[in-house]
């Protein structure tokens, strides 16, 4: 029974870590895209 509880806890922890990682990655890409868009056209 204890092994099942540990497995469930690890599964939940991995799901939370994955969601957090995806959120961080999307924020990074959004910031990068916004930075590129704010430059405009032509040489600076």
PDB file of N, CA and C in Angstrom:
ATOM      1  N   UNK A   1       0.818  -1.199   0.000  1.00  0.00           N
ATOM      2  CA  UNK A   1       0.000   0.000   0.000  1.00  0.00           C
ATOM      3  C   UNK A   1       0.862   1.263   0.000  1.00  0.00           C
ATOM      4  N   UNK A   2       1.942   1.217   0.770  1.00  0.00           N
ATOM      5  CA  UNK A   2       2.805   2.398   0.849  1.00  0.00           C
ATOM      6  C   UNK A   2       3.481   2.684  -0.486  1.00  0.00           C
ATOM      7  N   UNK A   3       3.819   1.648  -1.227  1.00  0.00           N
ATOM      8  CA  UNK A   3       4.441   1.837  -2.542  1.00  0.00           C
ATOM      9  C   UNK A   3       3.478   2.541  -3.485  1.00  0.00           C
ATOM     10  N   UNK A   4       2.217   2.213  -3.421  1.00  0.00           N
ATOM     11  CA  UNK A   4       1.220   2.880  -4.265  1.00  0.00           C
ATOM     12  C   UNK A   4       1.110   4.357  -3.915  1.00  0.00           C
ATOM     13  N   UNK A   5       1.157   4.656  -2.631  1.00  0.00           N
ATOM     14  CA  UNK A   5       1.081   6.055  -2.204  1.00  0.00           C
ATOM     15  C   UNK A   5       2.308   6.829  -2.670  1.00  0.00           C
ATOM     16  N   UNK A   6       3.481   6.217  -2.555  1.00  0.00           N
ATOM     17  CA  UNK A   6       4.702   6.868  -3.034  1.00  0.00           C
ATOM     18  C   UNK A   6       4.670   7.071  -4.546  1.00  0.00           C
ATOM     19  N   UNK A   7       4.176   6.082  -5.264  1.00  0.00           N
ATOM     20  CA  UNK A   7       4.090   6.206  -6.719  1.00  0.00           C
ATOM     21  C   UNK A   7       3.112   7.313  -7.116  1.00  0.00           C
ATOM     22  N   UNK A   8       1.999   7.388  -6.416  1.00  0.00           N
ATOM     23  CA  UNK A   8       1.030   8.447  -6.705  1.00  0.00           C
ATOM     24  C   UNK A   8       1.620   9.822  -6.393  1.00  0.00           C
ATOM     25  N   UNK A   9       2.320   9.943  -5.284  1.00  0.00           N
ATOM     26  CA  UNK A   9       2.937  11.218  -4.921  1.00  0.00           C
ATOM     27  C   UNK A   9       3.989  11.629  -5.951  1.00  0.00           C
ATOM     28  N   UNK A  10       4.786  10.693  -6.403  1.00  0.00           N
ATOM     29  CA  UNK A  10       5.804  11.000  -7.410  1.00  0.00           C
ATOM     30  C   UNK A  10       5.167  11.389  -8.742  1.00  0.00           C
ATOM     31  N   UNK A  11       4.083  10.729  -9.102  1.00  0.00           N
ATOM     32  CA  UNK A  11       3.388  11.065 -10.345  1.00  0.00           C
ATOM     33  C   UNK A  11       2.835  12.474 -10.286  1.00  0.00           C
ATOM     34  N   UNK A  12       2.226  12.825  -9.171  1.00  0.00           N
ATOM     35  CA  UNK A  12       1.680  14.172  -9.011  1.00  0.00           C
ATOM     36  C   UNK A  12       2.808  15.197  -9.024  1.00  0.00           C
ATOM     37  N   UNK A  13       3.914  14.902  -8.360  1.00  0.00           N
ATOM     38  CA  UNK A  13       5.055  15.821  -8.341  1.00  0.00           C
ATOM     39  C   UNK A  13       5.610  16.022  -9.747  1.00  0.00           C
ATOM     40  N   UNK A  14       5.694  14.967 -10.529  1.00  0.00           N
ATOM     41  CA  UNK A  14       6.201  15.082 -11.897  1.00  0.00           C
ATOM     42  C   UNK A  14       5.249  15.891 -12.768  1.00  0.00           C
ATOM     43  N   UNK A  15       3.954  15.715 -12.596  1.00  0.00           N
ATOM     44  CA  UNK A  15       2.983  16.497 -13.366  1.00  0.00           C
ATOM     45  C   UNK A  15       3.088  17.980 -13.032  1.00  0.00           C
ATOM     46  N   UNK A  16       3.245  18.295 -11.755  1.00  0.00           N
ATOM     47  CA  UNK A  16       3.390  19.695 -11.352  1.00  0.00           C
ATOM     48  C   UNK A  16       4.681  20.277 -11.909  1.00  0.00           C
ATOM     49  N   UNK A  17       5.767  19.527 -11.842  1.00  0.00           N
ATOM     50  CA  UNK A  17       7.046  20.002 -12.370  1.00  0.00           C
ATOM     51  C   UNK A  17       6.978  20.216 -13.879  1.00  0.00           C
ATOM     52  N   UNK A  18       6.291  19.326 -14.583  1.00  0.00           N
ATOM     53  CA  UNK A  18       6.146  19.473 -16.027  1.00  0.00           C
ATOM     54  C   UNK A  18       5.331  20.707 -16.364  1.00  0.00           C
ATOM     55  N   UNK A  19       4.233  20.923 -15.660  1.00  0.00           N
ATOM     56  CA  UNK A  19       3.409  22.104 -15.907  1.00  0.00           C
ATOM     57  C   UNK A  19       4.202  23.375 -15.619  1.00  0.00           C
ATOM     58  N   UNK A  20       4.967  23.386 -14.545  1.00  0.00           N
ATOM     59  CA  UNK A  20       5.776  24.558 -14.211  1.00  0.00           C
ATOM     60  C   UNK A  20       6.829  24.807 -15.287  1.00  0.00           C
ATOM     61  N   UNK A  21       7.468  23.758 -15.765  1.00  0.00           N
ATOM     62  CA  UNK A  21       8.481  23.894 -16.811  1.00  0.00           C
ATOM     63  C   UNK A  21       7.892  24.425 -18.107  1.00  0.00           C
ATOM     64  N   UNK A  22       6.728  23.919 -18.483  1.00  0.00           N
ATOM     65  CA  UNK A  22       6.080  24.411 -19.700  1.00  0.00           C
ATOM     66  C   UNK A  22       5.693  25.880 -19.559  1.00  0.00           C
ATOM     67  N   UNK A  23       5.234  26.262 -18.390  1.00  0.00           N
ATOM     68  CA  UNK A  23       4.871  27.658 -18.154  1.00  0.00           C
ATOM     69  C   UNK A  23       6.098  28.561 -18.262  1.00  0.00           C
ATOM     70  N   UNK A  24       7.212  28.145 -17.666  1.00  0.00           N
ATOM     71  CA  UNK A  24       8.437  28.936 -17.733  1.00  0.00           C
ATOM     72  C   UNK A  24       8.924  29.074 -19.177  1.00  0.00           C
ATOM     73  N   UNK A  25       8.869  27.990 -19.935  1.00  0.00           N
ATOM     74  CA  UNK A  25       9.321  28.010 -21.323  1.00  0.00           C
ATOM     75  C   UNK A  25       8.444  28.934 -22.168  1.00  0.00           C
ATOM     76  N   UNK A  26       7.136  28.884 -21.966  1.00  0.00           N
ATOM     77  CA  UNK A  26       6.247  29.748 -22.743  1.00  0.00           C
ATOM     78  C   UNK A  26       6.468  31.215 -22.383  1.00  0.00           C
ATOM     79  N   UNK A  27       6.733  31.505 -21.109  1.00  0.00           N
ATOM     80  CA  UNK A  27       7.016  32.887 -20.717  1.00  0.00           C
ATOM     81  C   UNK A  27       8.303  33.376 -21.383  1.00  0.00           C
ATOM     82  N   UNK A  28       9.318  32.517 -21.436  1.00  0.00           N
ATOM     83  CA  UNK A  28      10.595  32.886 -22.043  1.00  0.00           C
ATOM     84  C   UNK A  28      10.421  33.174 -23.526  1.00  0.00           C
ATOM     85  N   UNK A  29       9.683  32.304 -24.223  1.00  0.00           N
ATOM     86  CA  UNK A  29       9.466  32.499 -25.648  1.00  0.00           C
ATOM     87  C   UNK A  29       8.620  33.741 -25.918  1.00  0.00           C
ATOM     88  N   UNK A  30       7.639  33.995 -25.070  1.00  0.00           N
ATOM     89  CA  UNK A  30       6.792  35.177 -25.238  1.00  0.00           C
ATOM     90  C   UNK A  30       7.624  36.447 -25.077  1.00  0.00           C
ATOM     91  N   UNK A  31       8.519  36.462 -24.087  1.00  0.00           N
ATOM     92  CA  UNK A  31       9.385  37.618 -23.868  1.00  0.00           C
ATOM     93  C   UNK A  31      10.321  37.828 -25.051  1.00  0.00           C
ATOM     94  N   UNK A  32      10.872  36.724 -25.561  1.00  0.00           N
ATOM     95  CA  UNK A  32      11.792  36.798 -26.692  1.00  0.00           C
ATOM     96  C   UNK A  32      11.079  37.355 -27.926  1.00  0.00           C
ATOM     97  N   UNK A  33       9.866  36.887 -28.184  1.00  0.00           N
ATOM     98  CA  UNK A  33       9.107  37.359 -29.339  1.00  0.00           C
ATOM     99  C   UNK A  33       8.735  38.831 -29.177  1.00  0.00           C
ATOM    100  N   UNK A  34       8.365  39.246 -27.994  1.00  0.00           N
ATOM    101  CA  UNK A  34       8.004  40.642 -27.752  1.00  0.00           C
ATOM    102  C   UNK A  34       9.220  41.547 -27.959  1.00  0.00           C
ATOM    103  N   UNK A  35      10.384  41.090 -27.559  1.00  0.00           N
ATOM    104  CA  UNK A  35      11.617  41.857 -27.720  1.00  0.00           C
ATOM    105  C   UNK A  35      11.937  42.044 -29.201  1.00  0.00           C
ATOM    106  N   UNK A  36      11.742  41.005 -30.001  1.00  0.00           N
ATOM    107  CA  UNK A  36      12.003  41.083 -31.435  1.00  0.00           C
ATOM    108  C   UNK A  36      11.013  42.032 -32.099  1.00  0.00           C
ATOM    109  N   UNK A  37       9.747  41.970 -31.702  1.00  0.00           N
ATOM    110  CA  UNK A  37       8.728  42.822 -32.303  1.00  0.00           C
ATOM    111  C   UNK A  37       8.929  44.294 -31.976  1.00  0.00           C
ATOM    112  N   UNK A  38       9.451  44.585 -30.808  1.00  0.00           N
ATOM    113  CA  UNK A  38       9.599  45.985 -30.391  1.00  0.00           C
ATOM    114  C   UNK A  38      10.740  46.687 -31.112  1.00  0.00           C
ATOM    115  N   UNK A  39      11.629  45.934 -31.765  1.00  0.00           N
ATOM    116  CA  UNK A  39      12.742  46.552 -32.492  1.00  0.00           C
ATOM    117  C   UNK A  39      12.272  47.323 -33.711  1.00  0.00           C
ATOM    118  N   UNK A  40      11.237  46.862 -34.379  1.00  0.00           N
ATOM    119  CA  UNK A  40      10.779  47.519 -35.587  1.00  0.00           C
ATOM    120  C   UNK A  40      11.558  47.063 -36.803  1.00  0.00           C
ATOM    121  N   UNK A  41      11.527  47.887 -37.831  1.00  0.00           N
ATOM    122  CA  UNK A  41      12.183  47.542 -39.089  1.00  0.00           C
ATOM    123  C   UNK A  41      13.458  48.371 -39.270  1.00  0.00           C
ATOM    124  N   UNK A  42      14.347  47.862 -40.107  1.00  0.00           N
ATOM    125  CA  UNK A  42      15.554  48.603 -40.460  1.00  0.00           C
ATOM    126  C   UNK A  42      16.665  48.453 -39.443  1.00  0.00           C
ATOM    127  N   UNK A  43      17.836  48.951 -39.810  1.00  0.00           N
ATOM    128  CA  UNK A  43      18.989  48.859 -38.896  1.00  0.00           C
ATOM    129  C   UNK A  43      18.864  49.828 -37.727  1.00  0.00           C
ATOM    130  N   UNK A  44      19.457  49.432 -36.593  1.00  0.00           N
ATOM    131  CA  UNK A  44      19.421  50.289 -35.403  1.00  0.00           C
ATOM    132  C   UNK A  44      20.821  50.537 -34.920  1.00  0.00           C
TER     133      UNK A  44
END
